[in-house]
Amino acid sequence: MPNLEEVYQRLEKNKKRKREIGKMLTDELSHSTRHKEIKEEMATLREEKKAIEMTVQAGNPDFKEMEELKSEIQTDSEVLSDIALNMYMKDQTVEIVDEYDQTWFPTFKVSFKKGNG
């Protein structure tokens, strides 16, 4: 089994190569007149879409409730993750049975961030 550093180095090498290829493709696309035109059209349409959405939201009292619900959902998701992780660390069974008698199990993800050293 490869060690942690070997896998990390391979991962970083592949990420770097992917970025290089992406940059080459971007450079090639920058020479395409039609691609530029389409990007400009898309930007204009995005702005128009956003203006329409803002108009609808301004006239709808449910929009404020939706924003509050988004915040509550995010908070509850974080609390749920914290509780599940604490249960896992205490070697307790971590599962949820929903209203349809379906059992849900957590999945855990490990990610790395750069240290200060």
PDB file of N, CA and C in Angstrom:
ATOM      1  N   MET A   1       0.854  -1.182   0.000  1.00  0.00           N
ATOM      2  CA  MET A   1       0.000   0.000   0.000  1.00  0.00           C
ATOM      3  C   MET A   1       0.895   1.239   0.000  1.00  0.00           C
ATOM      4  N   PRO A   2       0.612   2.199  -0.890  1.00  0.00           N
ATOM      5  CA  PRO A   2       1.439   3.404  -0.940  1.00  0.00           C
ATOM      6  C   PRO A   2       1.269   4.234   0.332  1.00  0.00           C
ATOM      7  N   ASN A   3       2.296   4.992   0.663  1.00  0.00           N
ATOM      8  CA  ASN A   3       2.171   5.812   1.870  1.00  0.00           C
ATOM      9  C   ASN A   3       1.496   7.150   1.541  1.00  0.00           C
ATOM     10  N   LEU A   4       1.200   7.889   2.583  1.00  0.00           N
ATOM     11  CA  LEU A   4       0.448   9.132   2.480  1.00  0.00           C
ATOM     12  C   LEU A   4       1.142  10.138   1.558  1.00  0.00           C
ATOM     13  N   GLU A   5       2.445  10.319   1.737  1.00  0.00           N
ATOM     14  CA  GLU A   5       3.174  11.306   0.949  1.00  0.00           C
ATOM     15  C   GLU A   5       3.221  10.941  -0.535  1.00  0.00           C
ATOM     16  N   GLU A   6       3.361   9.649  -0.848  1.00  0.00           N
ATOM     17  CA  GLU A   6       3.395   9.221  -2.245  1.00  0.00           C
ATOM     18  C   GLU A   6       2.071   9.535  -2.942  1.00  0.00           C
ATOM     19  N   VAL A   7       0.989   9.239  -2.277  1.00  0.00           N
ATOM     20  CA  VAL A   7      -0.331   9.506  -2.861  1.00  0.00           C
ATOM     21  C   VAL A   7      -0.541  11.007  -3.000  1.00  0.00           C
ATOM     22  N   TYR A   8      -0.120  11.771  -1.989  1.00  0.00           N
ATOM     23  CA  TYR A   8      -0.266  13.226  -2.037  1.00  0.00           C
ATOM     24  C   TYR A   8       0.531  13.807  -3.207  1.00  0.00           C
ATOM     25  N   GLN A   9       1.761  13.345  -3.395  1.00  0.00           N
ATOM     26  CA  GLN A   9       2.595  13.835  -4.490  1.00  0.00           C
ATOM     27  C   GLN A   9       1.977  13.508  -5.845  1.00  0.00           C
ATOM     28  N   ARG A  10       1.445  12.299  -5.977  1.00  0.00           N
ATOM     29  CA  ARG A  10       0.783  11.906  -7.224  1.00  0.00           C
ATOM     30  C   ARG A  10      -0.444  12.790  -7.471  1.00  0.00           C
ATOM     31  N   LEU A  11      -1.208  13.037  -6.423  1.00  0.00           N
ATOM     32  CA  LEU A  11      -2.391  13.882  -6.518  1.00  0.00           C
ATOM     33  C   LEU A  11      -2.015  15.287  -6.966  1.00  0.00           C
ATOM     34  N   GLU A  12      -0.999  15.870  -6.358  1.00  0.00           N
ATOM     35  CA  GLU A  12      -0.571  17.213  -6.716  1.00  0.00           C
ATOM     36  C   GLU A  12      -0.034  17.270  -8.145  1.00  0.00           C
ATOM     37  N   LYS A  13       0.698  16.249  -8.560  1.00  0.00           N
ATOM     38  CA  LYS A  13       1.223  16.183  -9.923  1.00  0.00           C
ATOM     39  C   LYS A  13       0.074  16.168 -10.925  1.00  0.00           C
ATOM     40  N   ASN A  14      -0.944  15.354 -10.664  1.00  0.00           N
ATOM     41  CA  ASN A  14      -2.095  15.263 -11.563  1.00  0.00           C
ATOM     42  C   ASN A  14      -2.906  16.558 -11.578  1.00  0.00           C
ATOM     43  N   LYS A  15      -3.041  17.199 -10.431  1.00  0.00           N
ATOM     44  CA  LYS A  15      -3.748  18.484 -10.370  1.00  0.00           C
ATOM     45  C   LYS A  15      -3.015  19.535 -11.204  1.00  0.00           C
ATOM     46  N   LYS A  16      -1.673  19.555 -11.082  1.00  0.00           N
ATOM     47  CA  LYS A  16      -0.871  20.516 -11.836  1.00  0.00           C
ATOM     48  C   LYS A  16      -1.035  20.278 -13.333  1.00  0.00           C
ATOM     49  N   ARG A  17      -0.976  19.024 -13.768  1.00  0.00           N
ATOM     50  CA  ARG A  17      -1.123  18.706 -15.186  1.00  0.00           C
ATOM     51  C   ARG A  17      -2.512  19.097 -15.684  1.00  0.00           C
ATOM     52  N   LYS A  18      -3.526  18.854 -14.869  1.00  0.00           N
ATOM     53  CA  LYS A  18      -4.899  19.221 -15.233  1.00  0.00           C
ATOM     54  C   LYS A  18      -5.009  20.737 -15.411  1.00  0.00           C
ATOM     55  N   ARG A  19      -4.389  21.506 -14.514  1.00  0.00           N
ATOM     56  CA  ARG A  19      -4.396  22.967 -14.643  1.00  0.00           C
ATOM     57  C   ARG A  19      -3.697  23.405 -15.933  1.00  0.00           C
ATOM     58  N   GLU A  20      -2.568  22.761 -16.259  1.00  0.00           N
ATOM     59  CA  GLU A  20      -1.831  23.096 -17.485  1.00  0.00           C
ATOM     60  C   GLU A  20      -2.696  22.857 -18.717  1.00  0.00           C
ATOM     61  N   ILE A  21      -3.365  21.707 -18.765  1.00  0.00           N
ATOM     62  CA  ILE A  21      -4.225  21.391 -19.905  1.00  0.00           C
ATOM     63  C   ILE A  21      -5.381  22.383 -19.979  1.00  0.00           C
ATOM     64  N   GLY A  22      -5.971  22.692 -18.828  1.00  0.00           N
ATOM     65  CA  GLY A  22      -7.070  23.660 -18.795  1.00  0.00           C
ATOM     66  C   GLY A  22      -6.634  25.025 -19.304  1.00  0.00           C
ATOM     67  N   LYS A  23      -5.429  25.437 -18.929  1.00  0.00           N
ATOM     68  CA  LYS A  23      -4.905  26.723 -19.407  1.00  0.00           C
ATOM     69  C   LYS A  23      -4.699  26.689 -20.914  1.00  0.00           C
ATOM     70  N   MET A  24      -4.189  25.577 -21.440  1.00  0.00           N
ATOM     71  CA  MET A  24      -4.003  25.465 -22.891  1.00  0.00           C
ATOM     72  C   MET A  24      -5.344  25.565 -23.618  1.00  0.00           C
ATOM     73  N   LEU A  25      -6.354  24.881 -23.100  1.00  0.00           N
ATOM     74  CA  LEU A  25      -7.678  24.929 -23.729  1.00  0.00           C
ATOM     75  C   LEU A  25      -8.252  26.337 -23.674  1.00  0.00           C
ATOM     76  N   THR A  26      -8.082  27.003 -22.534  1.00  0.00           N
ATOM     77  CA  THR A  26      -8.567  28.375 -22.389  1.00  0.00           C
ATOM     78  C   THR A  26      -7.877  29.296 -23.384  1.00  0.00           C
ATOM     79  N   ASP A  27      -6.569  29.121 -23.543  1.00  0.00           N
ATOM     80  CA  ASP A  27      -5.828  29.931 -24.508  1.00  0.00           C
ATOM     81  C   ASP A  27      -6.355  29.706 -25.923  1.00  0.00           C
ATOM     82  N   GLU A  28      -6.607  28.458 -26.286  1.00  0.00           N
ATOM     83  CA  GLU A  28      -7.130  28.157 -27.617  1.00  0.00           C
ATOM     84  C   GLU A  28      -8.512  28.760 -27.817  1.00  0.00           C
ATOM     85  N   LEU A  29      -9.356  28.667 -26.776  1.00  0.00           N
ATOM     86  CA  LEU A  29     -10.711  29.220 -26.885  1.00  0.00           C
ATOM     87  C   LEU A  29     -10.684  30.741 -26.996  1.00  0.00           C
ATOM     88  N   SER A  30      -9.675  31.381 -26.410  1.00  0.00           N
ATOM     89  CA  SER A  30      -9.613  32.843 -26.459  1.00  0.00           C
ATOM     90  C   SER A  30      -9.401  33.358 -27.887  1.00  0.00           C
ATOM     91  N   HIS A  31      -8.964  32.510 -28.786  1.00  0.00           N
ATOM     92  CA  HIS A  31      -8.760  32.906 -30.185  1.00  0.00           C
ATOM     93  C   HIS A  31     -10.018  32.710 -31.031  1.00  0.00           C
ATOM     94  N   SER A  32     -11.051  32.128 -30.449  1.00  0.00           N
ATOM     95  CA  SER A  32     -12.283  31.863 -31.183  1.00  0.00           C
ATOM     96  C   SER A  32     -13.243  33.048 -31.030  1.00  0.00           C
ATOM     97  N   THR A  33     -13.548  33.693 -32.147  1.00  0.00           N
ATOM     98  CA  THR A  33     -14.461  34.837 -32.139  1.00  0.00           C
ATOM     99  C   THR A  33     -15.857  34.422 -31.691  1.00  0.00           C
ATOM    100  N   ARG A  34     -16.319  33.311 -32.208  1.00  0.00           N
ATOM    101  CA  ARG A  34     -17.677  32.849 -31.864  1.00  0.00           C
ATOM    102  C   ARG A  34     -17.773  32.530 -30.379  1.00  0.00           C
ATOM    103  N   HIS A  35     -16.722  31.956 -29.812  1.00  0.00           N
ATOM    104  CA  HIS A  35     -16.720  31.639 -28.385  1.00  0.00           C
ATOM    105  C   HIS A  35     -16.847  32.924 -27.558  1.00  0.00           C
ATOM    106  N   LYS A  36     -16.123  33.967 -27.968  1.00  0.00           N
ATOM    107  CA  LYS A  36     -16.217  35.261 -27.276  1.00  0.00           C
ATOM    108  C   LYS A  36     -17.632  35.828 -27.363  1.00  0.00           C
ATOM    109  N   GLU A  37     -18.235  35.737 -28.565  1.00  0.00           N
ATOM    110  CA  GLU A  37     -19.596  36.246 -28.752  1.00  0.00           C
ATOM    111  C   GLU A  37     -20.577  35.522 -27.842  1.00  0.00           C
ATOM    112  N   ILE A  38     -20.451  34.209 -27.775  1.00  0.00           N
ATOM    113  CA  ILE A  38     -21.357  33.410 -26.942  1.00  0.00           C
ATOM    114  C   ILE A  38     -21.180  33.763 -25.472  1.00  0.00           C
ATOM    115  N   LYS A  39     -19.940  33.947 -25.041  1.00  0.00           N
ATOM    116  CA  LYS A  39     -19.692  34.323 -23.642  1.00  0.00           C
ATOM    117  C   LYS A  39     -20.338  35.668 -23.313  1.00  0.00           C
ATOM    118  N   GLU A  40     -20.248  36.624 -24.237  1.00  0.00           N
ATOM    119  CA  GLU A  40     -20.871  37.928 -24.027  1.00  0.00           C
ATOM    120  C   GLU A  40     -22.392  37.810 -23.976  1.00  0.00           C
ATOM    121  N   GLU A  41     -22.961  37.004 -24.871  1.00  0.00           N
ATOM    122  CA  GLU A  41     -24.409  36.780 -24.868  1.00  0.00           C
ATOM    123  C   GLU A  41     -24.846  36.146 -23.552  1.00  0.00           C
ATOM    124  N   MET A  42     -24.067  35.179 -23.083  1.00  0.00           N
ATOM    125  CA  MET A  42     -24.402  34.513 -21.821  1.00  0.00           C
ATOM    126  C   MET A  42     -24.352  35.500 -20.655  1.00  0.00           C
ATOM    127  N   ALA A  43     -23.372  36.383 -20.641  1.00  0.00           N
ATOM    128  CA  ALA A  43     -23.270  37.373 -19.570  1.00  0.00           C
ATOM    129  C   ALA A  43     -24.477  38.299 -19.581  1.00  0.00           C
ATOM    130  N   THR A  44     -24.882  38.717 -20.780  1.00  0.00           N
ATOM    131  CA  THR A  44     -26.057  39.582 -20.908  1.00  0.00           C
ATOM    132  C   THR A  44     -27.309  38.863 -20.426  1.00  0.00           C
ATOM    133  N   LEU A  45     -27.459  37.617 -20.832  1.00  0.00           N
ATOM    134  CA  LEU A  45     -28.633  36.842 -20.412  1.00  0.00           C
ATOM    135  C   LEU A  45     -28.630  36.605 -18.901  1.00  0.00           C
ATOM    136  N   ARG A  46     -27.451  36.366 -18.314  1.00  0.00           N
ATOM    137  CA  ARG A  46     -27.370  36.182 -16.860  1.00  0.00           C
ATOM    138  C   ARG A  46     -27.830  37.436 -16.123  1.00  0.00           C
ATOM    139  N   GLU A  47     -27.390  38.604 -16.616  1.00  0.00           N
ATOM    140  CA  GLU A  47     -27.797  39.863 -16.002  1.00  0.00           C
ATOM    141  C   GLU A  47     -29.305  40.056 -16.104  1.00  0.00           C
ATOM    142  N   GLU A  48     -29.871  39.755 -17.272  1.00  0.00           N
ATOM    143  CA  GLU A  48     -31.311  39.885 -17.470  1.00  0.00           C
ATOM    144  C   GLU A  48     -32.068  38.924 -16.556  1.00  0.00           C
ATOM    145  N   LYS A  49     -31.577  37.690 -16.464  1.00  0.00           N
ATOM    146  CA  LYS A  49     -32.199  36.686 -15.601  1.00  0.00           C
ATOM    147  C   LYS A  49     -32.178  37.152 -14.144  1.00  0.00           C
ATOM    148  N   LYS A  50     -31.042  37.688 -13.707  1.00  0.00           N
ATOM    149  CA  LYS A  50     -30.902  38.159 -12.325  1.00  0.00           C
ATOM    150  C   LYS A  50     -31.876  39.303 -12.048  1.00  0.00           C
ATOM    151  N   ALA A  51     -32.035  40.216 -13.009  1.00  0.00           N
ATOM    152  CA  ALA A  51     -32.963  41.334 -12.837  1.00  0.00           C
ATOM    153  C   ALA A  51     -34.401  40.830 -12.684  1.00  0.00           C
ATOM    154  N   ILE A  52     -34.770  39.848 -13.494  1.00  0.00           N
ATOM    155  CA  ILE A  52     -36.120  39.279 -13.399  1.00  0.00           C
ATOM    156  C   ILE A  52     -36.316  38.613 -12.043  1.00  0.00           C
ATOM    157  N   GLU A  53     -35.316  37.851 -11.603  1.00  0.00           N
ATOM    158  CA  GLU A  53     -35.412  37.183 -10.303  1.00  0.00           C
ATOM    159  C   GLU A  53     -35.545  38.195  -9.168  1.00  0.00           C
ATOM    160  N   MET A  54     -34.780  39.274  -9.237  1.00  0.00           N
ATOM    161  CA  MET A  54     -34.844  40.299  -8.184  1.00  0.00           C
ATOM    162  C   MET A  54     -36.228  40.944  -8.141  1.00  0.00           C
ATOM    163  N   THR A  55     -36.820  41.180  -9.316  1.00  0.00           N
ATOM    164  CA  THR A  55     -38.158  41.769  -9.385  1.00  0.00           C
ATOM    165  C   THR A  55     -39.185  40.836  -8.734  1.00  0.00           C
ATOM    166  N   VAL A  56     -39.096  39.549  -9.056  1.00  0.00           N
ATOM    167  CA  VAL A  56     -40.041  38.576  -8.504  1.00  0.00           C
ATOM    168  C   VAL A  56     -39.843  38.455  -6.991  1.00  0.00           C
ATOM    169  N   GLN A  57     -38.598  38.416  -6.553  1.00  0.00           N
ATOM    170  CA  GLN A  57     -38.309  38.287  -5.120  1.00  0.00           C
ATOM    171  C   GLN A  57     -38.799  39.497  -4.348  1.00  0.00           C
ATOM    172  N   ALA A  58     -38.621  40.677  -4.915  1.00  0.00           N
ATOM    173  CA  ALA A  58     -39.039  41.903  -4.228  1.00  0.00           C
ATOM    174  C   ALA A  58     -40.548  41.926  -4.014  1.00  0.00           C
ATOM    175  N   GLY A  59     -41.300  41.338  -4.920  1.00  0.00           N
ATOM    176  CA  GLY A  59     -42.751  41.338  -4.808  1.00  0.00           C
ATOM    177  C   GLY A  59     -43.311  40.128  -4.086  1.00  0.00           C
ATOM    178  N   ASN A  60     -42.456  39.275  -3.539  1.00  0.00           N
ATOM    179  CA  ASN A  60     -42.924  38.041  -2.908  1.00  0.00           C
ATOM    180  C   ASN A  60     -42.497  37.989  -1.436  1.00  0.00           C
ATOM    181  N   PRO A  61     -43.462  38.008  -0.519  1.00  0.00           N
ATOM    182  CA  PRO A  61     -43.117  37.975   0.901  1.00  0.00           C
ATOM    183  C   PRO A  61     -42.505  36.637   1.351  1.00  0.00           C
ATOM    184  N   ASP A  62     -42.695  35.594   0.584  1.00  0.00           N
ATOM    185  CA  ASP A  62     -42.134  34.292   0.957  1.00  0.00           C
ATOM    186  C   ASP A  62     -40.620  34.234   0.765  1.00  0.00           C
ATOM    187  N   PHE A  63     -40.065  35.182   0.012  1.00  0.00           N
ATOM    188  CA  PHE A  63     -38.625  35.162  -0.239  1.00  0.00           C
ATOM    189  C   PHE A  63     -37.834  35.315   1.056  1.00  0.00           C
ATOM    190  N   LYS A  64     -38.293  36.185   1.957  1.00  0.00           N
ATOM    191  CA  LYS A  64     -37.584  36.367   3.233  1.00  0.00           C
ATOM    192  C   LYS A  64     -37.604  35.066   4.031  1.00  0.00           C
ATOM    193  N   GLU A  65     -38.751  34.398   4.034  1.00  0.00           N
ATOM    194  CA  GLU A  65     -38.840  33.116   4.734  1.00  0.00           C
ATOM    195  C   GLU A  65     -37.896  32.091   4.116  1.00  0.00           C
ATOM    196  N   MET A  66     -37.783  32.096   2.784  1.00  0.00           N
ATOM    197  CA  MET A  66     -36.897  31.159   2.122  1.00  0.00           C
ATOM    198  C   MET A  66     -35.442  31.401   2.544  1.00  0.00           C
ATOM    199  N   GLU A  67     -35.035  32.646   2.655  1.00  0.00           N
ATOM    200  CA  GLU A  67     -33.676  32.972   3.082  1.00  0.00           C
ATOM    201  C   GLU A  67     -33.443  32.510   4.522  1.00  0.00           C
ATOM    202  N   GLU A  68     -34.437  32.682   5.381  1.00  0.00           N
ATOM    203  CA  GLU A  68     -34.327  32.218   6.764  1.00  0.00           C
ATOM    204  C   GLU A  68     -34.230  30.692   6.819  1.00  0.00           C
ATOM    205  N   LEU A  69     -35.011  30.024   5.982  1.00  0.00           N
ATOM    206  CA  LEU A  69     -34.965  28.564   5.927  1.00  0.00           C
ATOM    207  C   LEU A  69     -33.598  28.070   5.453  1.00  0.00           C
ATOM    208  N   LYS A  70     -33.009  28.751   4.467  1.00  0.00           N
ATOM    209  CA  LYS A  70     -31.667  28.388   4.000  1.00  0.00           C
ATOM    210  C   LYS A  70     -30.677  28.436   5.157  1.00  0.00           C
ATOM    211  N   SER A  71     -30.762  29.492   5.940  1.00  0.00           N
ATOM    212  CA  SER A  71     -29.847  29.654   7.071  1.00  0.00           C
ATOM    213  C   SER A  71     -30.066  28.562   8.113  1.00  0.00           C
ATOM    214  N   GLU A  72     -31.312  28.271   8.424  1.00  0.00           N
ATOM    215  CA  GLU A  72     -31.629  27.222   9.396  1.00  0.00           C
ATOM    216  C   GLU A  72     -31.156  25.854   8.905  1.00  0.00           C
ATOM    217  N   ILE A  73     -31.341  25.590   7.620  1.00  0.00           N
ATOM    218  CA  ILE A  73     -30.915  24.311   7.046  1.00  0.00           C
ATOM    219  C   ILE A  73     -29.406  24.165   7.156  1.00  0.00           C
ATOM    220  N   GLN A  74     -28.676  25.220   6.855  1.00  0.00           N
ATOM    221  CA  GLN A  74     -27.215  25.169   6.946  1.00  0.00           C
ATOM    222  C   GLN A  74     -26.776  24.923   8.391  1.00  0.00           C
ATOM    223  N   THR A  75     -27.385  25.625   9.321  1.00  0.00           N
ATOM    224  CA  THR A  75     -27.040  25.456  10.734  1.00  0.00           C
ATOM    225  C   THR A  75     -27.358  24.038  11.201  1.00  0.00           C
ATOM    226  N   ASP A  76     -28.551  23.545  10.872  1.00  0.00           N
ATOM    227  CA  ASP A  76     -28.935  22.197  11.296  1.00  0.00           C
ATOM    228  C   ASP A  76     -28.049  21.130  10.653  1.00  0.00           C
ATOM    229  N   SER A  77     -27.618  21.352   9.424  1.00  0.00           N
ATOM    230  CA  SER A  77     -26.713  20.398   8.773  1.00  0.00           C
ATOM    231  C   SER A  77     -25.382  20.329   9.510  1.00  0.00           C
ATOM    232  N   GLU A  78     -24.876  21.473   9.929  1.00  0.00           N
ATOM    233  CA  GLU A  78     -23.624  21.497  10.682  1.00  0.00           C
ATOM    234  C   GLU A  78     -23.784  20.815  12.042  1.00  0.00           C
ATOM    235  N   VAL A  79     -24.912  21.077  12.716  1.00  0.00           N
ATOM    236  CA  VAL A  79     -25.168  20.444  14.012  1.00  0.00           C
ATOM    237  C   VAL A  79     -25.281  18.932  13.840  1.00  0.00           C
ATOM    238  N   LEU A  80     -25.988  18.495  12.802  1.00  0.00           N
ATOM    239  CA  LEU A  80     -26.144  17.072  12.525  1.00  0.00           C
ATOM    240  C   LEU A  80     -24.777  16.418  12.306  1.00  0.00           C
ATOM    241  N   SER A  81     -23.910  17.079  11.553  1.00  0.00           N
ATOM    242  CA  SER A  81     -22.562  16.550  11.312  1.00  0.00           C
ATOM    243  C   SER A  81     -21.768  16.465  12.610  1.00  0.00           C
ATOM    244  N   ASP A  82     -21.857  17.501  13.433  1.00  0.00           N
ATOM    245  CA  ASP A  82     -21.129  17.501  14.711  1.00  0.00           C
ATOM    246  C   ASP A  82     -21.601  16.371  15.625  1.00  0.00           C
ATOM    247  N   ILE A  83     -22.903  16.199  15.712  1.00  0.00           N
ATOM    248  CA  ILE A  83     -23.454  15.133  16.562  1.00  0.00           C
ATOM    249  C   ILE A  83     -23.009  13.767  16.046  1.00  0.00           C
ATOM    250  N   ALA A  84     -23.110  13.562  14.731  1.00  0.00           N
ATOM    251  CA  ALA A  84     -22.723  12.273  14.149  1.00  0.00           C
ATOM    252  C   ALA A  84     -21.244  11.988  14.391  1.00  0.00           C
ATOM    253  N   LEU A  85     -20.395  12.988  14.222  1.00  0.00           N
ATOM    254  CA  LEU A  85     -18.963  12.792  14.436  1.00  0.00           C
ATOM    255  C   LEU A  85     -18.669  12.471  15.899  1.00  0.00           C
ATOM    256  N   ASN A  86     -19.334  13.158  16.804  1.00  0.00           N
ATOM    257  CA  ASN A  86     -19.153  12.868  18.236  1.00  0.00           C
ATOM    258  C   ASN A  86     -19.610  11.453  18.570  1.00  0.00           C
ATOM    259  N   MET A  87     -20.725  11.029  18.010  1.00  0.00           N
ATOM    260  CA  MET A  87     -21.204   9.663  18.252  1.00  0.00           C
ATOM    261  C   MET A  87     -20.199   8.655  17.700  1.00  0.00           C
ATOM    262  N   TYR A  88     -19.664   8.928  16.520  1.00  0.00           N
ATOM    263  CA  TYR A  88     -18.688   8.032  15.897  1.00  0.00           C
ATOM    264  C   TYR A  88     -17.434   7.934  16.757  1.00  0.00           C
ATOM    265  N   MET A  89     -16.989   9.059  17.270  1.00  0.00           N
ATOM    266  CA  MET A  89     -15.782   9.077  18.109  1.00  0.00           C
ATOM    267  C   MET A  89     -16.005   8.304  19.413  1.00  0.00           C
ATOM    268  N   LYS A  90     -17.244   8.250  19.879  1.00  0.00           N
ATOM    269  CA  LYS A  90     -17.569   7.500  21.097  1.00  0.00           C
ATOM    270  C   LYS A  90     -17.911   6.049  20.778  1.00  0.00           C
ATOM    271  N   ASP A  91     -17.707   5.654  19.520  1.00  0.00           N
ATOM    272  CA  ASP A  91     -17.952   4.291  19.046  1.00  0.00           C
ATOM    273  C   ASP A  91     -19.421   3.889  19.195  1.00  0.00           C
ATOM    274  N   GLN A  92     -20.300   4.857  18.998  1.00  0.00           N
ATOM    275  CA  GLN A  92     -21.739   4.590  19.029  1.00  0.00           C
ATOM    276  C   GLN A  92     -22.225   4.367  17.591  1.00  0.00           C
ATOM    277  N   THR A  93     -23.340   3.686  17.457  1.00  0.00           N
ATOM    278  CA  THR A  93     -23.933   3.470  16.141  1.00  0.00           C
ATOM    279  C   THR A  93     -24.479   4.795  15.633  1.00  0.00           C
ATOM    280  N   VAL A  94     -24.091   5.147  14.427  1.00  0.00           N
ATOM    281  CA  VAL A  94     -24.525   6.414  13.848  1.00  0.00           C
ATOM    282  C   VAL A  94     -25.404   6.104  12.641  1.00  0.00           C
ATOM    283  N   GLU A  95     -26.697   6.270  12.817  1.00  0.00           N
ATOM    284  CA  GLU A  95     -27.653   6.064  11.729  1.00  0.00           C
ATOM    285  C   GLU A  95     -28.918   6.827  12.025  1.00  0.00           C
ATOM    286  N   ILE A  96     -29.656   7.110  10.988  1.00  0.00           N
ATOM    287  CA  ILE A  96     -30.936   7.801  11.101  1.00  0.00           C
ATOM    288  C   ILE A  96     -31.961   6.974  10.351  1.00  0.00           C
ATOM    289  N   VAL A  97     -33.128   6.778  10.956  1.00  0.00           N
ATOM    290  CA  VAL A  97     -34.236   6.120  10.270  1.00  0.00           C
ATOM    291  C   VAL A  97     -35.274   7.205   9.997  1.00  0.00           C
ATOM    292  N   ASP A  98     -35.562   7.430   8.713  1.00  0.00           N
ATOM    293  CA  ASP A  98     -36.475   8.508   8.356  1.00  0.00           C
ATOM    294  C   ASP A  98     -37.932   8.061   8.440  1.00  0.00           C
ATOM    295  N   GLU A  99     -38.814   8.953   8.052  1.00  0.00           N
ATOM    296  CA  GLU A  99     -40.247   8.693   8.147  1.00  0.00           C
ATOM    297  C   GLU A  99     -40.726   7.574   7.236  1.00  0.00           C
ATOM    298  N   TYR A 100     -39.891   7.176   6.268  1.00  0.00           N
ATOM    299  CA  TYR A 100     -40.236   6.097   5.353  1.00  0.00           C
ATOM    300  C   TYR A 100     -39.528   4.798   5.722  1.00  0.00           C
ATOM    301  N   ASP A 101     -39.004   4.739   6.938  1.00  0.00           N
ATOM    302  CA  ASP A 101     -38.255   3.592   7.450  1.00  0.00           C
ATOM    303  C   ASP A 101     -37.013   3.270   6.623  1.00  0.00           C
ATOM    304  N   GLN A 102     -36.450   4.289   6.007  1.00  0.00           N
ATOM    305  CA  GLN A 102     -35.179   4.134   5.311  1.00  0.00           C
ATOM    306  C   GLN A 102     -34.061   4.495   6.290  1.00  0.00           C
ATOM    307  N   THR A 103     -33.016   3.690   6.275  1.00  0.00           N
ATOM    308  CA  THR A 103     -31.901   3.942   7.171  1.00  0.00           C
ATOM    309  C   THR A 103     -30.821   4.721   6.431  1.00  0.00           C
ATOM    310  N   TRP A 104     -30.330   5.766   7.079  1.00  0.00           N
ATOM    311  CA  TRP A 104     -29.296   6.621   6.517  1.00  0.00           C
ATOM    312  C   TRP A 104     -28.045   6.493   7.372  1.00  0.00           C
ATOM    313  N   PHE A 105     -26.908   6.294   6.707  1.00  0.00           N
ATOM    314  CA  PHE A 105     -25.628   6.189   7.386  1.00  0.00           C
ATOM    315  C   PHE A 105     -24.750   7.358   6.951  1.00  0.00           C
ATOM    316  N   PRO A 106     -23.922   7.853   7.834  1.00  0.00           N
ATOM    317  CA  PRO A 106     -23.062   8.979   7.451  1.00  0.00           C
ATOM    318  C   PRO A 106     -21.894   8.530   6.575  1.00  0.00           C
ATOM    319  N   THR A 107     -21.415   9.455   5.791  1.00  0.00           N
ATOM    320  CA  THR A 107     -20.159   9.252   5.078  1.00  0.00           C
ATOM    321  C   THR A 107     -19.219  10.341   5.577  1.00  0.00           C
ATOM    322  N   PHE A 108     -17.981   9.981   5.747  1.00  0.00           N
ATOM    323  CA  PHE A 108     -17.012  10.935   6.266  1.00  0.00           C
ATOM    324  C   PHE A 108     -15.997  11.254   5.187  1.00  0.00           C
ATOM    325  N   LYS A 109     -15.544  12.485   5.179  1.00  0.00           N
ATOM    326  CA  LYS A 109     -14.568  12.938   4.196  1.00  0.00           C
ATOM    327  C   LYS A 109     -13.399  13.530   4.957  1.00  0.00           C
ATOM    328  N   VAL A 110     -12.223  13.163   4.540  1.00  0.00           N
ATOM    329  CA  VAL A 110     -11.027  13.740   5.127  1.00  0.00           C
ATOM    330  C   VAL A 110     -10.414  14.671   4.101  1.00  0.00           C
ATOM    331  N   SER A 111     -10.123  15.882   4.511  1.00  0.00           N
ATOM    332  CA  SER A 111      -9.440  16.807   3.620  1.00  0.00           C
ATOM    333  C   SER A 111      -8.259  17.407   4.382  1.00  0.00           C
ATOM    334  N   PHE A 112      -7.303  17.895   3.641  1.00  0.00           N
ATOM    335  CA  PHE A 112      -6.093  18.449   4.247  1.00  0.00           C
ATOM    336  C   PHE A 112      -6.020  19.937   3.927  1.00  0.00           C
ATOM    337  N   LYS A 113      -5.517  20.706   4.885  1.00  0.00           N
ATOM    338  CA  LYS A 113      -5.246  22.110   4.614  1.00  0.00           C
ATOM    339  C   LYS A 113      -3.836  22.422   5.069  1.00  0.00           C
ATOM    340  N   LYS A 114      -3.254  23.400   4.441  1.00  0.00           N
ATOM    341  CA  LYS A 114      -1.871  23.762   4.679  1.00  0.00           C
ATOM    342  C   LYS A 114      -1.703  24.237   6.118  1.00  0.00           C
ATOM    343  N   GLY A 115      -0.640  23.752   6.771  1.00  0.00           N
ATOM    344  CA  GLY A 115      -0.333  24.170   8.135  1.00  0.00           C
ATOM    345  C   GLY A 115       0.469  25.462   8.150  1.00  0.00           C
ATOM    346  N   ASN A 116       0.646  26.009   9.326  1.00  0.00           N
ATOM    347  CA  ASN A 116       1.372  27.270   9.470  1.00  0.00           C
ATOM    348  C   ASN A 116       2.869  27.056   9.626  1.00  0.00           C
ATOM    349  N   GLY A 117       3.335  25.809   9.547  1.00  0.00           N
ATOM    350  CA  GLY A 117       4.743  25.540   9.819  1.00  0.00           C
ATOM    351  C   GLY A 117       5.582  25.396   8.674  1.00  0.00           C
TER     352      GLY A 117
END
